[in-house]
Amino acid sequence: MITIHTRATRPLLPADGQQLPPPLTPEQLLRIESLRTLAAKKRRAAKALLAEDLTEEAAALDKAADLADAEANEILTSGGRTSV
C-alpha cells in the first residue's frame, strides 16, 4: 500500500508581514535526523514486542518513538528557536 505522509511544513514566503523562521543549522538538521532514526528503531522494537504479545512494553516504546518524532517536528516548526 502506498501512503503519503507529511511530517512538517515550512512556509516558503512570509504570510501577512510575518518573518520566516531562520534556516536550520547543520546541528539542528543532524539532531532531526538522529531523532527520526531513534523513532524508527523504537517503532521496529515495539512491533517485535507486539508480535510476542508484550503490549505494555510495546506501548512504552511506541510512546518514546512518538516523543522523538514530536521533538523533531518541534525543531522543524520552530525554526530551531528554543524556549528557556
N, C-alpha and C. Protein backbone atom coordinates (compact mmCIF):
# COMPACT_ATOMS: atom_id res chain seq x y z
N MET A 1 0.83 -1.15 0.00
CA MET A 1 0.00 0.00 0.00
C MET A 1 0.89 1.24 0.00
N ILE A 2 0.54 2.21 -0.77
CA ILE A 2 1.28 3.45 -0.84
C ILE A 2 0.50 4.52 -0.09
N THR A 3 1.17 5.20 0.83
CA THR A 3 0.54 6.28 1.57
C THR A 3 1.42 7.52 1.50
N ILE A 4 0.79 8.65 1.67
CA ILE A 4 1.51 9.92 1.65
C ILE A 4 1.51 10.47 3.07
N HIS A 5 2.68 10.80 3.58
CA HIS A 5 2.81 11.34 4.92
C HIS A 5 3.49 12.70 4.85
N THR A 6 2.98 13.63 5.62
CA THR A 6 3.61 14.93 5.76
C THR A 6 4.05 15.07 7.20
N ARG A 7 5.34 15.20 7.43
CA ARG A 7 5.84 15.31 8.80
C ARG A 7 5.76 16.75 9.30
N ALA A 8 6.15 17.67 8.47
CA ALA A 8 6.09 19.07 8.86
C ALA A 8 6.20 19.91 7.60
N THR A 9 5.67 21.11 7.67
CA THR A 9 5.77 22.02 6.54
C THR A 9 6.38 23.32 7.02
N ARG A 10 7.09 23.95 6.13
CA ARG A 10 7.65 25.26 6.42
C ARG A 10 7.22 26.19 5.29
N PRO A 11 6.70 27.36 5.62
CA PRO A 11 6.26 28.28 4.57
C PRO A 11 7.45 28.78 3.75
N LEU A 12 7.22 28.94 2.47
CA LEU A 12 8.27 29.46 1.60
C LEU A 12 8.29 30.98 1.58
N LEU A 13 7.12 31.58 1.76
CA LEU A 13 7.01 33.04 1.75
C LEU A 13 6.34 33.49 3.03
N PRO A 14 6.71 34.67 3.53
CA PRO A 14 6.05 35.16 4.74
C PRO A 14 4.57 35.45 4.48
N ALA A 15 3.74 35.20 5.48
CA ALA A 15 2.31 35.46 5.36
C ALA A 15 1.96 36.68 6.19
N ASP A 16 1.38 37.68 5.55
CA ASP A 16 0.89 38.88 6.23
C ASP A 16 1.94 39.55 7.11
N GLY A 17 3.10 39.79 6.59
CA GLY A 17 4.14 40.51 7.29
C GLY A 17 4.91 39.71 8.32
N GLN A 18 4.64 38.43 8.43
CA GLN A 18 5.39 37.61 9.37
C GLN A 18 6.75 37.29 8.79
N GLN A 19 7.73 37.19 9.67
CA GLN A 19 9.06 36.83 9.22
C GLN A 19 9.19 35.31 9.16
N LEU A 20 10.01 34.86 8.22
CA LEU A 20 10.28 33.43 8.14
C LEU A 20 11.20 33.02 9.28
N PRO A 21 11.04 31.79 9.75
CA PRO A 21 11.98 31.33 10.77
C PRO A 21 13.38 31.24 10.17
N PRO A 22 14.40 31.36 11.00
CA PRO A 22 15.76 31.28 10.47
C PRO A 22 16.02 29.88 9.91
N PRO A 23 16.91 29.78 8.95
CA PRO A 23 17.22 28.44 8.41
C PRO A 23 17.81 27.55 9.49
N LEU A 24 17.59 26.27 9.34
CA LEU A 24 18.10 25.31 10.32
C LEU A 24 19.61 25.16 10.19
N THR A 25 20.27 25.05 11.32
CA THR A 25 21.72 24.88 11.33
C THR A 25 22.05 23.42 11.04
N PRO A 26 23.27 23.14 10.66
CA PRO A 26 23.66 21.74 10.44
C PRO A 26 23.47 20.88 11.70
N GLU A 27 23.68 21.47 12.88
CA GLU A 27 23.48 20.73 14.13
C GLU A 27 22.02 20.36 14.31
N GLN A 28 21.13 21.30 13.97
CA GLN A 28 19.70 21.03 14.09
C GLN A 28 19.27 19.95 13.10
N LEU A 29 19.79 20.03 11.88
CA LEU A 29 19.46 19.01 10.88
C LEU A 29 19.96 17.63 11.33
N LEU A 30 21.14 17.60 11.92
CA LEU A 30 21.68 16.34 12.43
C LEU A 30 20.83 15.81 13.58
N ARG A 31 20.39 16.70 14.46
CA ARG A 31 19.53 16.29 15.58
C ARG A 31 18.20 15.74 15.07
N ILE A 32 17.62 16.38 14.07
CA ILE A 32 16.36 15.89 13.49
C ILE A 32 16.56 14.50 12.90
N GLU A 33 17.65 14.32 12.17
CA GLU A 33 17.93 13.02 11.57
C GLU A 33 18.11 11.94 12.65
N SER A 34 18.83 12.28 13.72
CA SER A 34 19.04 11.29 14.77
C SER A 34 17.74 10.97 15.50
N LEU A 35 16.89 11.96 15.69
CA LEU A 35 15.59 11.71 16.33
C LEU A 35 14.71 10.82 15.45
N ARG A 36 14.72 11.06 14.16
CA ARG A 36 13.92 10.23 13.24
C ARG A 36 14.44 8.78 13.23
N THR A 37 15.76 8.62 13.26
CA THR A 37 16.35 7.28 13.30
C THR A 37 15.98 6.57 14.60
N LEU A 38 16.07 7.29 15.71
CA LEU A 38 15.71 6.72 17.00
C LEU A 38 14.24 6.29 17.02
N ALA A 39 13.37 7.14 16.50
CA ALA A 39 11.95 6.82 16.46
C ALA A 39 11.69 5.56 15.63
N ALA A 40 12.37 5.45 14.50
CA ALA A 40 12.18 4.27 13.64
C ALA A 40 12.64 3.00 14.35
N LYS A 41 13.77 3.08 15.06
CA LYS A 41 14.27 1.91 15.80
C LYS A 41 13.29 1.51 16.89
N LYS A 42 12.76 2.48 17.61
CA LYS A 42 11.83 2.19 18.69
C LYS A 42 10.53 1.59 18.14
N ARG A 43 10.09 2.06 16.98
CA ARG A 43 8.87 1.50 16.38
C ARG A 43 9.10 0.06 15.92
N ARG A 44 10.28 -0.21 15.38
CA ARG A 44 10.59 -1.61 14.99
C ARG A 44 10.63 -2.51 16.21
N ALA A 45 11.21 -2.02 17.30
CA ALA A 45 11.27 -2.82 18.53
C ALA A 45 9.86 -3.03 19.09
N ALA A 46 9.02 -2.01 19.04
CA ALA A 46 7.65 -2.14 19.51
C ALA A 46 6.88 -3.16 18.69
N LYS A 47 7.12 -3.15 17.39
CA LYS A 47 6.45 -4.12 16.51
C LYS A 47 6.87 -5.55 16.88
N ALA A 48 8.15 -5.74 17.18
CA ALA A 48 8.63 -7.07 17.56
C ALA A 48 8.03 -7.50 18.90
N LEU A 49 7.91 -6.57 19.83
CA LEU A 49 7.31 -6.89 21.12
C LEU A 49 5.82 -7.22 20.98
N LEU A 50 5.14 -6.50 20.10
CA LEU A 50 3.73 -6.81 19.86
C LEU A 50 3.56 -8.20 19.28
N ALA A 51 4.49 -8.62 18.45
CA ALA A 51 4.42 -9.96 17.86
C ALA A 51 4.53 -11.03 18.95
N GLU A 52 5.17 -10.69 20.07
CA GLU A 52 5.32 -11.63 21.19
C GLU A 52 4.28 -11.36 22.29
N ASP A 53 3.26 -10.58 21.98
CA ASP A 53 2.18 -10.23 22.92
C ASP A 53 2.67 -9.51 24.17
N LEU A 54 3.68 -8.70 24.03
CA LEU A 54 4.17 -7.87 25.14
C LEU A 54 3.68 -6.44 24.92
N THR A 55 2.38 -6.24 25.11
CA THR A 55 1.75 -4.97 24.73
C THR A 55 2.20 -3.79 25.59
N GLU A 56 2.40 -3.99 26.89
CA GLU A 56 2.80 -2.87 27.75
C GLU A 56 4.18 -2.36 27.37
N GLU A 57 5.10 -3.28 27.14
CA GLU A 57 6.45 -2.88 26.73
C GLU A 57 6.43 -2.21 25.36
N ALA A 58 5.60 -2.73 24.46
CA ALA A 58 5.49 -2.15 23.12
C ALA A 58 4.89 -0.75 23.18
N ALA A 59 3.92 -0.55 24.06
CA ALA A 59 3.29 0.77 24.20
C ALA A 59 4.31 1.80 24.70
N ALA A 60 5.17 1.38 25.62
CA ALA A 60 6.19 2.31 26.12
C ALA A 60 7.15 2.72 25.01
N LEU A 61 7.58 1.76 24.19
CA LEU A 61 8.49 2.09 23.09
C LEU A 61 7.80 2.95 22.04
N ASP A 62 6.52 2.67 21.78
CA ASP A 62 5.78 3.45 20.80
C ASP A 62 5.62 4.89 21.28
N LYS A 63 5.39 5.07 22.58
CA LYS A 63 5.28 6.41 23.13
C LYS A 63 6.61 7.16 23.03
N ALA A 64 7.71 6.46 23.29
CA ALA A 64 9.04 7.07 23.16
C ALA A 64 9.30 7.48 21.71
N ALA A 65 8.87 6.66 20.77
CA ALA A 65 9.02 7.00 19.35
C ALA A 65 8.20 8.24 19.00
N ASP A 66 6.99 8.32 19.54
CA ASP A 66 6.15 9.49 19.29
C ASP A 66 6.79 10.76 19.86
N LEU A 67 7.39 10.64 21.03
CA LEU A 67 8.06 11.80 21.63
C LEU A 67 9.26 12.25 20.80
N ALA A 68 10.02 11.29 20.27
CA ALA A 68 11.17 11.64 19.43
C ALA A 68 10.70 12.34 18.15
N ASP A 69 9.62 11.83 17.56
CA ASP A 69 9.06 12.47 16.36
C ASP A 69 8.55 13.87 16.69
N ALA A 70 7.91 14.01 17.84
CA ALA A 70 7.38 15.32 18.24
C ALA A 70 8.51 16.33 18.43
N GLU A 71 9.62 15.88 19.03
CA GLU A 71 10.76 16.78 19.22
C GLU A 71 11.35 17.20 17.87
N ALA A 72 11.45 16.26 16.95
CA ALA A 72 11.96 16.59 15.61
C ALA A 72 11.02 17.58 14.91
N ASN A 73 9.72 17.36 15.03
CA ASN A 73 8.75 18.28 14.43
C ASN A 73 8.82 19.66 15.06
N GLU A 74 9.05 19.71 16.36
CA GLU A 74 9.17 20.99 17.06
C GLU A 74 10.37 21.77 16.54
N ILE A 75 11.48 21.09 16.33
CA ILE A 75 12.67 21.75 15.79
C ILE A 75 12.36 22.30 14.40
N LEU A 76 11.66 21.52 13.59
CA LEU A 76 11.32 21.97 12.24
C LEU A 76 10.38 23.16 12.25
N THR A 77 9.33 23.10 13.05
CA THR A 77 8.33 24.15 13.01
C THR A 77 8.75 25.42 13.71
N SER A 78 9.60 25.29 14.73
CA SER A 78 10.04 26.49 15.44
C SER A 78 11.23 27.16 14.76
N GLY A 79 11.79 26.47 13.78
CA GLY A 79 12.96 27.03 13.11
C GLY A 79 14.17 26.98 13.99
N GLY A 80 14.12 26.12 14.99
CA GLY A 80 15.26 25.97 15.87
C GLY A 80 15.23 26.85 17.09
N ARG A 81 14.21 27.73 17.20
CA ARG A 81 14.11 28.57 18.39
C ARG A 81 13.74 27.69 19.57
N THR A 82 14.41 27.85 20.65
CA THR A 82 14.10 27.09 21.85
C THR A 82 13.65 28.04 22.94
N SER A 83 12.68 27.61 23.73
CA SER A 83 12.23 28.43 24.84
C SER A 83 12.97 28.04 26.10
N VAL A 84 13.29 29.04 26.92
CA VAL A 84 14.05 28.78 28.15
C VAL A 84 13.14 28.85 29.34
